[in-house]
PDB file of N, CA and C in Angstrom:
ATOM      1  N   MET A   1     -66.086 -26.786 113.631  1.00  0.00           N
ATOM      2  CA  MET A   1     -65.863 -27.291 112.303  1.00  0.00           C
ATOM      3  C   MET A   1     -64.408 -27.713 112.203  1.00  0.00           C
ATOM      4  N   GLN A   2     -64.184 -28.921 111.715  1.00  0.00           N
ATOM      5  CA  GLN A   2     -62.834 -29.440 111.557  1.00  0.00           C
ATOM      6  C   GLN A   2     -62.476 -29.430 110.080  1.00  0.00           C
ATOM      7  N   LEU A   3     -61.364 -28.819 109.748  1.00  0.00           N
ATOM      8  CA  LEU A   3     -60.946 -28.729 108.359  1.00  0.00           C
ATOM      9  C   LEU A   3     -60.308 -30.036 107.934  1.00  0.00           C
ATOM     10  N   ILE A   4     -60.803 -30.622 106.865  1.00  0.00           N
ATOM     11  CA  ILE A   4     -60.259 -31.868 106.329  1.00  0.00           C
ATOM     12  C   ILE A   4     -59.266 -31.559 105.214  1.00  0.00           C
ATOM     13  N   ASP A   5     -59.571 -30.586 104.398  1.00  0.00           N
ATOM     14  CA  ASP A   5     -58.709 -30.280 103.263  1.00  0.00           C
ATOM     15  C   ASP A   5     -58.762 -28.783 103.009  1.00  0.00           C
ATOM     16  N   ALA A   6     -57.633 -28.148 103.000  1.00  0.00           N
ATOM     17  CA  ALA A   6     -57.574 -26.713 102.732  1.00  0.00           C
ATOM     18  C   ALA A   6     -57.855 -26.450 101.261  1.00  0.00           C
ATOM     19  N   PRO A   7     -58.402 -25.293 100.937  1.00  0.00           N
ATOM     20  CA  PRO A   7     -58.648 -24.972  99.533  1.00  0.00           C
ATOM     21  C   PRO A   7     -57.337 -24.986  98.741  1.00  0.00           C
ATOM     22  N   VAL A   8     -57.412 -25.543  97.567  1.00  0.00           N
ATOM     23  CA  VAL A   8     -56.246 -25.605  96.688  1.00  0.00           C
ATOM     24  C   VAL A   8     -56.666 -25.060  95.336  1.00  0.00           C
ATOM     25  N   THR A   9     -55.870 -24.211  94.757  1.00  0.00           N
ATOM     26  CA  THR A   9     -56.181 -23.641  93.455  1.00  0.00           C
ATOM     27  C   THR A   9     -55.143 -24.124  92.458  1.00  0.00           C
ATOM     28  N   ASP A  10     -55.595 -24.626  91.324  1.00  0.00           N
ATOM     29  CA  ASP A  10     -54.651 -25.043  90.295  1.00  0.00           C
ATOM     30  C   ASP A  10     -54.687 -24.046  89.149  1.00  0.00           C
ATOM     31  N   ARG A  11     -53.954 -24.350  88.102  1.00  0.00           N
ATOM     32  CA  ARG A  11     -53.822 -23.398  87.000  1.00  0.00           C
ATOM     33  C   ARG A  11     -55.146 -23.115  86.287  1.00  0.00           C
ATOM     34  N   HIS A  12     -56.142 -23.966  86.476  1.00  0.00           N
ATOM     35  CA  HIS A  12     -57.454 -23.768  85.862  1.00  0.00           C
ATOM     36  C   HIS A  12     -58.444 -23.139  86.830  1.00  0.00           C
ATOM     37  N   LEU A  13     -57.925 -22.671  87.939  1.00  0.00           N
ATOM     38  CA  LEU A  13     -58.738 -22.009  88.950  1.00  0.00           C
ATOM     39  C   LEU A  13     -59.764 -22.917  89.606  1.00  0.00           C
ATOM     40  N   ALA A  14     -59.524 -24.221  89.610  1.00  0.00           N
ATOM     41  CA  ALA A  14     -60.425 -25.134  90.319  1.00  0.00           C
ATOM     42  C   ALA A  14     -60.094 -25.098  91.794  1.00  0.00           C
ATOM     43  N   GLU A  15     -61.114 -24.991  92.610  1.00  0.00           N
ATOM     44  CA  GLU A  15     -60.940 -25.054  94.057  1.00  0.00           C
ATOM     45  C   GLU A  15     -61.775 -26.198  94.590  1.00  0.00           C
ATOM     46  N   ILE A  16     -61.157 -26.993  95.441  1.00  0.00           N
ATOM     47  CA  ILE A  16     -61.835 -28.096  96.106  1.00  0.00           C
ATOM     48  C   ILE A  16     -61.621 -27.877  97.598  1.00  0.00           C
ATOM     49  N   GLU A  17     -62.696 -27.746  98.332  1.00  0.00           N
ATOM     50  CA  GLU A  17     -62.601 -27.578  99.779  1.00  0.00           C
ATOM     51  C   GLU A  17     -63.529 -28.589 100.428  1.00  0.00           C
ATOM     52  N   ALA A  18     -62.975 -29.420 101.299  1.00  0.00           N
ATOM     53  CA  ALA A  18     -63.781 -30.416 102.001  1.00  0.00           C
ATOM     54  C   ALA A  18     -63.593 -30.215 103.492  1.00  0.00           C
ATOM     55  N   ASP A  19     -64.685 -30.149 104.218  1.00  0.00           N
ATOM     56  CA  ASP A  19     -64.567 -30.049 105.664  1.00  0.00           C
ATOM     57  C   ASP A  19     -65.642 -30.877 106.343  1.00  0.00           C
ATOM     58  N   LEU A  20     -65.437 -31.067 107.621  1.00  0.00           N
ATOM     59  CA  LEU A  20     -66.281 -31.928 108.420  1.00  0.00           C
ATOM     60  C   LEU A  20     -66.980 -31.079 109.473  1.00  0.00           C
ATOM     61  N   VAL A  21     -68.291 -31.249 109.571  1.00  0.00           N
ATOM     62  CA  VAL A  21     -69.076 -30.530 110.579  1.00  0.00           C
ATOM     63  C   VAL A  21     -69.623 -31.575 111.546  1.00  0.00           C
ATOM     64  N   ASP A  22     -69.239 -31.471 112.809  1.00  0.00           N
ATOM     65  CA  ASP A  22     -69.697 -32.401 113.834  1.00  0.00           C
ATOM     66  C   ASP A  22     -70.943 -31.819 114.490  1.00  0.00           C
ATOM     67  N   LEU A  23     -72.057 -32.524 114.361  1.00  0.00           N
ATOM     68  CA  LEU A  23     -73.328 -32.060 114.910  1.00  0.00           C
ATOM     69  C   LEU A  23     -73.660 -32.738 116.233  1.00  0.00           C
ATOM     70  N   GLY A  24     -72.666 -33.344 116.859  1.00  0.00           N
ATOM     71  CA  GLY A  24     -72.901 -34.035 118.129  1.00  0.00           C
ATOM     72  C   GLY A  24     -73.737 -35.277 117.917  1.00  0.00           C
ATOM     73  N   PRO A  25     -74.786 -35.461 118.721  1.00  0.00           N
ATOM     74  CA  PRO A  25     -75.608 -36.672 118.609  1.00  0.00           C
ATOM     75  C   PRO A  25     -76.293 -36.813 117.244  1.00  0.00           C
ATOM     76  N   ALA A  26     -76.437 -35.714 116.519  1.00  0.00           N
ATOM     77  CA  ALA A  26     -77.107 -35.762 115.217  1.00  0.00           C
ATOM     78  C   ALA A  26     -76.204 -36.332 114.123  1.00  0.00           C
ATOM     79  N   GLY A  27     -74.934 -36.529 114.418  1.00  0.00           N
ATOM     80  CA  GLY A  27     -74.022 -37.119 113.442  1.00  0.00           C
ATOM     81  C   GLY A  27     -73.003 -36.139 112.908  1.00  0.00           C
ATOM     82  N   ARG A  28     -72.340 -36.564 111.867  1.00  0.00           N
ATOM     83  CA  ARG A  28     -71.290 -35.761 111.241  1.00  0.00           C
ATOM     84  C   ARG A  28     -71.617 -35.594 109.766  1.00  0.00           C
ATOM     85  N   ILE A  29     -71.446 -34.379 109.286  1.00  0.00           N
ATOM     86  CA  ILE A  29     -71.742 -34.058 107.892  1.00  0.00           C
ATOM     87  C   ILE A  29     -70.469 -33.589 107.223  1.00  0.00           C
ATOM     88  N   GLY A  30     -70.218 -34.108 106.030  1.00  0.00           N
ATOM     89  CA  GLY A  30     -69.112 -33.623 105.217  1.00  0.00           C
ATOM     90  C   GLY A  30     -69.639 -32.584 104.247  1.00  0.00           C
ATOM     91  N   ARG A  31     -68.890 -31.522 104.085  1.00  0.00           N
ATOM     92  CA  ARG A  31     -69.282 -30.466 103.152  1.00  0.00           C
ATOM     93  C   ARG A  31     -68.146 -30.295 102.158  1.00  0.00           C
ATOM     94  N   VAL A  32     -68.496 -30.319 100.875  1.00  0.00           N
ATOM     95  CA  VAL A  32     -67.498 -30.167  99.819  1.00  0.00           C
ATOM     96  C   VAL A  32     -67.937 -29.034  98.907  1.00  0.00           C
ATOM     97  N   LEU A  33     -67.073 -28.039  98.750  1.00  0.00           N
ATOM     98  CA  LEU A  33     -67.319 -26.942  97.827  1.00  0.00           C
ATOM     99  C   LEU A  33     -66.405 -27.134  96.630  1.00  0.00           C
ATOM    100  N   VAL A  34     -66.982 -27.091  95.445  1.00  0.00           N
ATOM    101  CA  VAL A  34     -66.220 -27.278  94.213  1.00  0.00           C
ATOM    102  C   VAL A  34     -66.503 -26.077  93.320  1.00  0.00           C
ATOM    103  N   SER A  35     -65.446 -25.458  92.814  1.00  0.00           N
ATOM    104  CA  SER A  35     -65.643 -24.347  91.888  1.00  0.00           C
ATOM    105  C   SER A  35     -64.544 -24.365  90.844  1.00  0.00           C
ATOM    106  N   GLY A  36     -64.818 -23.737  89.726  1.00  0.00           N
ATOM    107  CA  GLY A  36     -63.852 -23.677  88.627  1.00  0.00           C
ATOM    108  C   GLY A  36     -63.938 -24.891  87.725  1.00  0.00           C
ATOM    109  N   GLU A  37     -62.979 -24.980  86.828  1.00  0.00           N
ATOM    110  CA  GLU A  37     -62.929 -26.084  85.867  1.00  0.00           C
ATOM    111  C   GLU A  37     -62.277 -27.298  86.518  1.00  0.00           C
ATOM    112  N   VAL A  38     -63.041 -28.364  86.646  1.00  0.00           N
ATOM    113  CA  VAL A  38     -62.534 -29.573  87.293  1.00  0.00           C
ATOM    114  C   VAL A  38     -61.983 -30.497  86.211  1.00  0.00           C
ATOM    115  N   ASP A  39     -60.664 -30.415  86.025  1.00  0.00           N
ATOM    116  CA  ASP A  39     -59.974 -31.278  85.076  1.00  0.00           C
ATOM    117  C   ASP A  39     -59.507 -32.538  85.799  1.00  0.00           C
ATOM    118  N   ALA A  40     -58.657 -33.334  85.172  1.00  0.00           N
ATOM    119  CA  ALA A  40     -58.219 -34.599  85.759  1.00  0.00           C
ATOM    120  C   ALA A  40     -57.496 -34.394  87.088  1.00  0.00           C
ATOM    121  N   GLU A  41     -56.633 -33.393  87.183  1.00  0.00           N
ATOM    122  CA  GLU A  41     -55.898 -33.139  88.424  1.00  0.00           C
ATOM    123  C   GLU A  41     -56.843 -32.703  89.541  1.00  0.00           C
ATOM    124  N   ALA A  42     -57.763 -31.807  89.229  1.00  0.00           N
ATOM    125  CA  ALA A  42     -58.730 -31.367  90.231  1.00  0.00           C
ATOM    126  C   ALA A  42     -59.663 -32.518  90.614  1.00  0.00           C
ATOM    127  N   ALA A  43     -59.991 -33.394  89.670  1.00  0.00           N
ATOM    128  CA  ALA A  43     -60.833 -34.563  89.965  1.00  0.00           C
ATOM    129  C   ALA A  43     -60.124 -35.486  90.952  1.00  0.00           C
ATOM    130  N   ARG A  44     -58.798 -35.607  90.820  1.00  0.00           N
ATOM    131  CA  ARG A  44     -58.019 -36.416  91.755  1.00  0.00           C
ATOM    132  C   ARG A  44     -58.111 -35.818  93.160  1.00  0.00           C
ATOM    133  N   ARG A  45     -57.987 -34.493  93.264  1.00  0.00           N
ATOM    134  CA  ARG A  45     -58.100 -33.829  94.561  1.00  0.00           C
ATOM    135  C   ARG A  45     -59.513 -33.974  95.136  1.00  0.00           C
ATOM    136  N   LEU A  46     -60.519 -33.900  94.273  1.00  0.00           N
ATOM    137  CA  LEU A  46     -61.898 -34.096  94.711  1.00  0.00           C
ATOM    138  C   LEU A  46     -62.063 -35.495  95.293  1.00  0.00           C
ATOM    139  N   ALA A  47     -61.553 -36.505  94.586  1.00  0.00           N
ATOM    140  CA  ALA A  47     -61.648 -37.890  95.065  1.00  0.00           C
ATOM    141  C   ALA A  47     -60.954 -38.048  96.413  1.00  0.00           C
ATOM    142  N   GLU A  48     -59.786 -37.432  96.565  1.00  0.00           N
ATOM    143  CA  GLU A  48     -59.056 -37.516  97.838  1.00  0.00           C
ATOM    144  C   GLU A  48     -59.846 -36.875  98.973  1.00  0.00           C
ATOM    145  N   GLY A  49     -60.444 -35.727  98.726  1.00  0.00           N
ATOM    146  CA  GLY A  49     -61.250 -35.063  99.751  1.00  0.00           C
ATOM    147  C   GLY A  49     -62.463 -35.885 100.140  1.00  0.00           C
ATOM    148  N   LEU A  50     -63.139 -36.461  99.149  1.00  0.00           N
ATOM    149  CA  LEU A  50     -64.294 -37.312  99.428  1.00  0.00           C
ATOM    150  C   LEU A  50     -63.875 -38.555 100.206  1.00  0.00           C
ATOM    151  N   ASP A  51     -62.751 -39.159  99.814  1.00  0.00           N
ATOM    152  CA  ASP A  51     -62.262 -40.345 100.525  1.00  0.00           C
ATOM    153  C   ASP A  51     -61.955 -40.035 101.985  1.00  0.00           C
ATOM    154  N   ARG A  52     -61.378 -38.864 102.245  1.00  0.00           N
ATOM    155  CA  ARG A  52     -61.074 -38.478 103.628  1.00  0.00           C
ATOM    156  C   ARG A  52     -62.351 -38.313 104.456  1.00  0.00           C
ATOM    157  N   LEU A  53     -63.381 -37.757 103.846  1.00  0.00           N
ATOM    158  CA  LEU A  53     -64.645 -37.604 104.566  1.00  0.00           C
ATOM    159  C   LEU A  53     -65.276 -38.956 104.876  1.00  0.00           C
ATOM    160  N   VAL A  54     -65.254 -39.864 103.906  1.00  0.00           N
ATOM    161  CA  VAL A  54     -65.798 -41.209 104.132  1.00  0.00           C
ATOM    162  C   VAL A  54     -65.007 -41.905 105.238  1.00  0.00           C
ATOM    163  N   ALA A  55     -63.680 -41.803 105.185  1.00  0.00           N
ATOM    164  CA  ALA A  55     -62.830 -42.426 106.209  1.00  0.00           C
ATOM    165  C   ALA A  55     -63.077 -41.821 107.591  1.00  0.00           C
ATOM    166  N   ALA A  56     -63.480 -40.555 107.629  1.00  0.00           N
ATOM    167  CA  ALA A  56     -63.764 -39.886 108.906  1.00  0.00           C
ATOM    168  C   ALA A  56     -65.105 -40.328 109.493  1.00  0.00           C
ATOM    169  N   GLY A  57     -65.875 -41.101 108.723  1.00  0.00           N
ATOM    170  CA  GLY A  57     -67.124 -41.650 109.230  1.00  0.00           C
ATOM    171  C   GLY A  57     -68.332 -40.748 109.129  1.00  0.00           C
ATOM    172  N   VAL A  58     -68.342 -39.825 108.169  1.00  0.00           N
ATOM    173  CA  VAL A  58     -69.508 -38.944 108.048  1.00  0.00           C
ATOM    174  C   VAL A  58     -70.758 -39.744 107.677  1.00  0.00           C
ATOM    175  N   ASP A  59     -71.908 -39.233 108.092  1.00  0.00           N
ATOM    176  CA  ASP A  59     -73.192 -39.850 107.801  1.00  0.00           C
ATOM    177  C   ASP A  59     -73.816 -39.286 106.531  1.00  0.00           C
ATOM    178  N   ARG A  60     -73.385 -38.075 106.192  1.00  0.00           N
ATOM    179  CA  ARG A  60     -73.972 -37.390 105.044  1.00  0.00           C
ATOM    180  C   ARG A  60     -72.919 -36.464 104.452  1.00  0.00           C
ATOM    181  N   ILE A  61     -72.914 -36.386 103.126  1.00  0.00           N
ATOM    182  CA  ILE A  61     -72.020 -35.460 102.428  1.00  0.00           C
ATOM    183  C   ILE A  61     -72.869 -34.566 101.546  1.00  0.00           C
ATOM    184  N   VAL A  62     -72.613 -33.272 101.627  1.00  0.00           N
ATOM    185  CA  VAL A  62     -73.269 -32.297 100.763  1.00  0.00           C
ATOM    186  C   VAL A  62     -72.191 -31.706  99.859  1.00  0.00           C
ATOM    187  N   VAL A  63     -72.378 -31.863  98.556  1.00  0.00           N
ATOM    188  CA  VAL A  63     -71.440 -31.333  97.571  1.00  0.00           C
ATOM    189  C   VAL A  63     -72.096 -30.139  96.894  1.00  0.00           C
ATOM    190  N   ASP A  64     -71.475 -28.976  97.026  1.00  0.00           N
ATOM    191  CA  ASP A  64     -71.962 -27.767  96.366  1.00  0.00           C
ATOM    192  C   ASP A  64     -71.081 -27.515  95.148  1.00  0.00           C
ATOM    193  N   ALA A  65     -71.633 -27.778  93.974  1.00  0.00           N
ATOM    194  CA  ALA A  65     -70.896 -27.610  92.722  1.00  0.00           C
ATOM    195  C   ALA A  65     -71.450 -26.449  91.906  1.00  0.00           C
ATOM    196  N   THR A  66     -72.048 -25.486  92.585  1.00  0.00           N
ATOM    197  CA  THR A  66     -72.692 -24.367  91.908  1.00  0.00           C
ATOM    198  C   THR A  66     -71.760 -23.648  90.944  1.00  0.00           C
ATOM    199  N   GLY A  67     -70.527 -23.415  91.349  1.00  0.00           N
ATOM    200  CA  GLY A  67     -69.587 -22.692  90.497  1.00  0.00           C
ATOM    201  C   GLY A  67     -68.622 -23.575  89.742  1.00  0.00           C
ATOM    202  N   ALA A  68     -68.958 -24.856  89.598  1.00  0.00           N
ATOM    203  CA  ALA A  68     -68.016 -25.802  88.986  1.00  0.00           C
ATOM    204  C   ALA A  68     -68.385 -26.153  87.553  1.00  0.00           C
ATOM    205  N   ARG A  69     -67.355 -26.403  86.784  1.00  0.00           N
ATOM    206  CA  ARG A  69     -67.493 -26.989  85.446  1.00  0.00           C
ATOM    207  C   ARG A  69     -66.782 -28.326  85.502  1.00  0.00           C
ATOM    208  N   LEU A  70     -67.557 -29.389  85.640  1.00  0.00           N
ATOM    209  CA  LEU A  70     -66.976 -30.723  85.748  1.00  0.00           C
ATOM    210  C   LEU A  70     -66.606 -31.205  84.348  1.00  0.00           C
ATOM    211  N   GLU A  71     -65.313 -31.214  84.067  1.00  0.00           N
ATOM    212  CA  GLU A  71     -64.812 -31.558  82.736  1.00  0.00           C
ATOM    213  C   GLU A  71     -64.269 -32.980  82.658  1.00  0.00           C
ATOM    214  N   ALA A  72     -63.868 -33.552  83.778  1.00  0.00           N
ATOM    215  CA  ALA A  72     -63.211 -34.860  83.782  1.00  0.00           C
ATOM    216  C   ALA A  72     -64.176 -35.945  84.249  1.00  0.00           C
ATOM    217  N   LEU A  73     -64.207 -37.036  83.504  1.00  0.00           N
ATOM    218  CA  LEU A  73     -65.056 -38.161  83.880  1.00  0.00           C
ATOM    219  C   LEU A  73     -64.664 -38.703  85.252  1.00  0.00           C
ATOM    220  N   ASP A  74     -63.400 -38.574  85.619  1.00  0.00           N
ATOM    221  CA  ASP A  74     -62.951 -39.036  86.936  1.00  0.00           C
ATOM    222  C   ASP A  74     -63.694 -38.332  88.070  1.00  0.00           C
ATOM    223  N   ALA A  75     -64.103 -37.092  87.869  1.00  0.00           N
ATOM    224  CA  ALA A  75     -64.872 -36.383  88.892  1.00  0.00           C
ATOM    225  C   ALA A  75     -66.226 -37.059  89.098  1.00  0.00           C
ATOM    226  N   PHE A  76     -66.869 -37.431  88.009  1.00  0.00           N
ATOM    227  CA  PHE A  76     -68.163 -38.108  88.111  1.00  0.00           C
ATOM    228  C   PHE A  76     -68.005 -39.484  88.758  1.00  0.00           C
ATOM    229  N   ARG A  77     -66.932 -40.185  88.405  1.00  0.00           N
ATOM    230  CA  ARG A  77     -66.675 -41.497  89.011  1.00  0.00           C
ATOM    231  C   ARG A  77     -66.471 -41.367  90.513  1.00  0.00           C
ATOM    232  N   ALA A  78     -65.713 -40.358  90.931  1.00  0.00           N
ATOM    233  CA  ALA A  78     -65.467 -40.152  92.363  1.00  0.00           C
ATOM    234  C   ALA A  78     -66.770 -39.866  93.095  1.00  0.00           C
ATOM    235  N   LEU A  79     -67.615 -39.043  92.513  1.00  0.00           N
ATOM    236  CA  LEU A  79     -68.901 -38.729  93.139  1.00  0.00           C
ATOM    237  C   LEU A  79     -69.784 -39.970  93.222  1.00  0.00           C
ATOM    238  N   ALA A  80     -69.855 -40.745  92.128  1.00  0.00           N
ATOM    239  CA  ALA A  80     -70.688 -41.954  92.116  1.00  0.00           C
ATOM    240  C   ALA A  80     -70.167 -42.983  93.125  1.00  0.00           C
ATOM    241  N   ARG A  81     -68.855 -43.161  93.182  1.00  0.00           N
ATOM    242  CA  ARG A  81     -68.257 -44.115  94.125  1.00  0.00           C
ATOM    243  C   ARG A  81     -68.559 -43.705  95.570  1.00  0.00           C
ATOM    244  N   THR A  82     -68.425 -42.418  95.849  1.00  0.00           N
ATOM    245  CA  THR A  82     -68.686 -41.937  97.211  1.00  0.00           C
ATOM    246  C   THR A  82     -70.152 -42.103  97.565  1.00  0.00           C
ATOM    247  N   ARG A  83     -71.030 -41.801  96.631  1.00  0.00           N
ATOM    248  CA  ARG A  83     -72.474 -41.963  96.885  1.00  0.00           C
ATOM    249  C   ARG A  83     -72.783 -43.416  97.258  1.00  0.00           C
ATOM    250  N   ARG A  84     -72.192 -44.371  96.532  1.00  0.00           N
ATOM    251  CA  ARG A  84     -72.407 -45.799  96.826  1.00  0.00           C
ATOM    252  C   ARG A  84     -71.861 -46.170  98.203  1.00  0.00           C
ATOM    253  N   ARG A  85     -70.656 -45.695  98.522  1.00  0.00           N
ATOM    254  CA  ARG A  85     -70.024 -46.038  99.804  1.00  0.00           C
ATOM    255  C   ARG A  85     -70.830 -45.494 100.986  1.00  0.00           C
ATOM    256  N   ILE A  86     -71.304 -44.259 100.868  1.00  0.00           N
ATOM    257  CA  ILE A  86     -72.097 -43.654 101.945  1.00  0.00           C
ATOM    258  C   ILE A  86     -73.441 -44.374 102.071  1.00  0.00           C
ATOM    259  N   ALA A  87     -74.087 -44.672 100.949  1.00  0.00           N
ATOM    260  CA  ALA A  87     -75.385 -45.352 100.973  1.00  0.00           C
ATOM    261  C   ALA A  87     -75.269 -46.755 101.570  1.00  0.00           C
ATOM    262  N   ALA A  88     -74.153 -47.434 101.324  1.00  0.00           N
ATOM    263  CA  ALA A  88     -73.966 -48.792 101.834  1.00  0.00           C
ATOM    264  C   ALA A  88     -73.973 -48.841 103.360  1.00  0.00           C
ATOM    265  N   ARG A  89     -73.646 -47.734 103.989  1.00  0.00           N
ATOM    266  CA  ARG A  89     -73.673 -47.726 105.454  1.00  0.00           C
ATOM    267  C   ARG A  89     -74.826 -46.887 105.999  1.00  0.00           C
ATOM    268  N   GLY A  90     -75.824 -46.641 105.147  1.00  0.00           N
ATOM    269  CA  GLY A  90     -77.040 -45.971 105.594  1.00  0.00           C
ATOM    270  C   GLY A  90     -77.011 -44.462 105.539  1.00  0.00           C
ATOM    271  N   GLY A  91     -75.971 -43.888 104.952  1.00  0.00           N
ATOM    272  CA  GLY A  91     -75.866 -42.439 104.842  1.00  0.00           C
ATOM    273  C   GLY A  91     -76.374 -41.940 103.499  1.00  0.00           C
ATOM    274  N   SER A  92     -76.110 -40.673 103.233  1.00  0.00           N
ATOM    275  CA  SER A  92     -76.569 -40.098 101.969  1.00  0.00           C
ATOM    276  C   SER A  92     -75.592 -39.037 101.479  1.00  0.00           C
ATOM    277  N   MET A  93     -75.680 -38.750 100.195  1.00  0.00           N
ATOM    278  CA  MET A  93     -74.890 -37.689  99.597  1.00  0.00           C
ATOM    279  C   MET A  93     -75.815 -36.850  98.726  1.00  0.00           C
ATOM    280  N   VAL A  94     -75.725 -35.540  98.886  1.00  0.00           N
ATOM    281  CA  VAL A  94     -76.537 -34.606  98.116  1.00  0.00           C
ATOM    282  C   VAL A  94     -75.612 -33.836  97.188  1.00  0.00           C
ATOM    283  N   LEU A  95     -75.984 -33.770  95.917  1.00  0.00           N
ATOM    284  CA  LEU A  95     -75.244 -32.984  94.930  1.00  0.00           C
ATOM    285  C   LEU A  95     -76.072 -31.755  94.610  1.00  0.00           C
ATOM    286  N   ASP A  96     -75.539 -30.600  94.930  1.00  0.00           N
ATOM    287  CA  ASP A  96     -76.266 -29.357  94.738  1.00  0.00           C
ATOM    288  C   ASP A  96     -75.547 -28.498  93.706  1.00  0.00           C
ATOM    289  N   GLY A  97     -76.300 -27.882  92.828  1.00  0.00           N
ATOM    290  CA  GLY A  97     -75.739 -26.917  91.897  1.00  0.00           C
ATOM    291  C   GLY A  97     -75.111 -27.501  90.646  1.00  0.00           C
ATOM    292  N   LEU A  98     -75.344 -28.786  90.371  1.00  0.00           N
ATOM    293  CA  LEU A  98     -74.805 -29.348  89.132  1.00  0.00           C
ATOM    294  C   LEU A  98     -75.527 -28.747  87.933  1.00  0.00           C
ATOM    295  N   ARG A  99     -74.788 -28.467  86.909  1.00  0.00           N
ATOM    296  CA  ARG A  99     -75.404 -27.999  85.666  1.00  0.00           C
ATOM    297  C   ARG A  99     -76.179 -29.154  85.043  1.00  0.00           C
ATOM    298  N   PRO A 100     -77.205 -28.863  84.228  1.00  0.00           N
ATOM    299  CA  PRO A 100     -78.029 -29.939  83.654  1.00  0.00           C
ATOM    300  C   PRO A 100     -77.215 -31.006  82.913  1.00  0.00           C
ATOM    301  N   ALA A 101     -76.228 -30.605  82.140  1.00  0.00           N
ATOM    302  CA  ALA A 101     -75.414 -31.593  81.422  1.00  0.00           C
ATOM    303  C   ALA A 101     -74.652 -32.474  82.406  1.00  0.00           C
ATOM    304  N   ALA A 102     -74.144 -31.878  83.485  1.00  0.00           N
ATOM    305  CA  ALA A 102     -73.420 -32.646  84.500  1.00  0.00           C
ATOM    306  C   ALA A 102     -74.366 -33.600  85.230  1.00  0.00           C
ATOM    307  N   GLU A 103     -75.601 -33.174  85.462  1.00  0.00           N
ATOM    308  CA  GLU A 103     -76.587 -34.055  86.090  1.00  0.00           C
ATOM    309  C   GLU A 103     -76.834 -35.291  85.229  1.00  0.00           C
ATOM    310  N   ARG A 104     -76.941 -35.092  83.924  1.00  0.00           N
ATOM    311  CA  ARG A 104     -77.164 -36.223  83.023  1.00  0.00           C
ATOM    312  C   ARG A 104     -75.975 -37.183  83.039  1.00  0.00           C
ATOM    313  N   VAL A 105     -74.769 -36.639  83.034  1.00  0.00           N
ATOM    314  CA  VAL A 105     -73.577 -37.498  83.097  1.00  0.00           C
ATOM    315  C   VAL A 105     -73.531 -38.232  84.430  1.00  0.00           C
ATOM    316  N   MET A 106     -73.875 -37.541  85.511  1.00  0.00           N
ATOM    317  CA  MET A 106     -73.873 -38.170  86.827  1.00  0.00           C
ATOM    318  C   MET A 106     -74.869 -39.318  86.886  1.00  0.00           C
ATOM    319  N   GLU A 107     -76.044 -39.111  86.318  1.00  0.00           N
ATOM    320  CA  GLU A 107     -77.051 -40.175  86.281  1.00  0.00           C
ATOM    321  C   GLU A 107     -76.535 -41.368  85.482  1.00  0.00           C
ATOM    322  N   ALA A 108     -75.938 -41.110  84.334  1.00  0.00           N
ATOM    323  CA  ALA A 108     -75.402 -42.188  83.505  1.00  0.00           C
ATOM    324  C   ALA A 108     -74.238 -42.882  84.208  1.00  0.00           C
ATOM    325  N   THR A 109     -73.381 -42.113  84.854  1.00  0.00           N
ATOM    326  CA  THR A 109     -72.229 -42.709  85.556  1.00  0.00           C
ATOM    327  C   THR A 109     -72.710 -43.600  86.672  1.00  0.00           C
ATOM    328  N   GLY A 110     -73.716 -43.168  87.404  1.00  0.00           N
ATOM    329  CA  GLY A 110     -74.265 -43.997  88.473  1.00  0.00           C
ATOM    330  C   GLY A 110     -74.825 -45.296  87.946  1.00  0.00           C
ATOM    331  N   ARG A 111     -75.498 -45.237  86.823  1.00  0.00           N
ATOM    332  CA  ARG A 111     -76.044 -46.457  86.229  1.00  0.00           C
ATOM    333  C   ARG A 111     -74.921 -47.355  85.738  1.00  0.00           C
ATOM    334  N   LEU A 112     -73.906 -46.781  85.119  1.00  0.00           N
ATOM    335  CA  LEU A 112     -72.788 -47.580  84.612  1.00  0.00           C
ATOM    336  C   LEU A 112     -72.003 -48.206  85.748  1.00  0.00           C
ATOM    337  N   GLU A 113     -71.790 -47.459  86.834  1.00  0.00           N
ATOM    338  CA  GLU A 113     -71.027 -47.983  87.959  1.00  0.00           C
ATOM    339  C   GLU A 113     -71.781 -49.119  88.635  1.00  0.00           C
ATOM    340  N   ALA A 114     -73.125 -49.069  88.626  1.00  0.00           N
ATOM    341  CA  ALA A 114     -73.917 -50.101  89.279  1.00  0.00           C
ATOM    342  C   ALA A 114     -73.976 -51.374  88.446  1.00  0.00           C
ATOM    343  N   ALA A 115     -73.742 -51.264  87.167  1.00  0.00           N
ATOM    344  CA  ALA A 115     -73.854 -52.440  86.274  1.00  0.00           C
ATOM    345  C   ALA A 115     -72.690 -53.394  86.448  1.00  0.00           C
TER     346      ALA A 115
END
């Protein structure tokens, strides 16, 4: 496992951890763990971690947001942008553990970004 971004904690206790798992011939998977309150600053760090994984050429990204409270619209934009970028090259992104309200915002953000 290659570490892409070390965990960082801000004053709101948001942690963003992104790493790369090389599966050999099966490809490369990016894993992102998000916890705490994701405000604008944490959303910026989330976007940076996702961008690094995309630049590293991952085929799939799994985002675990089980312990996260996504408060900033920028977090949803970063997730939607990454989903589009990965899909454009035949990959996929899975969002796991989003709260129902966050799922609705994510769905709306994806529709708005596509328009």
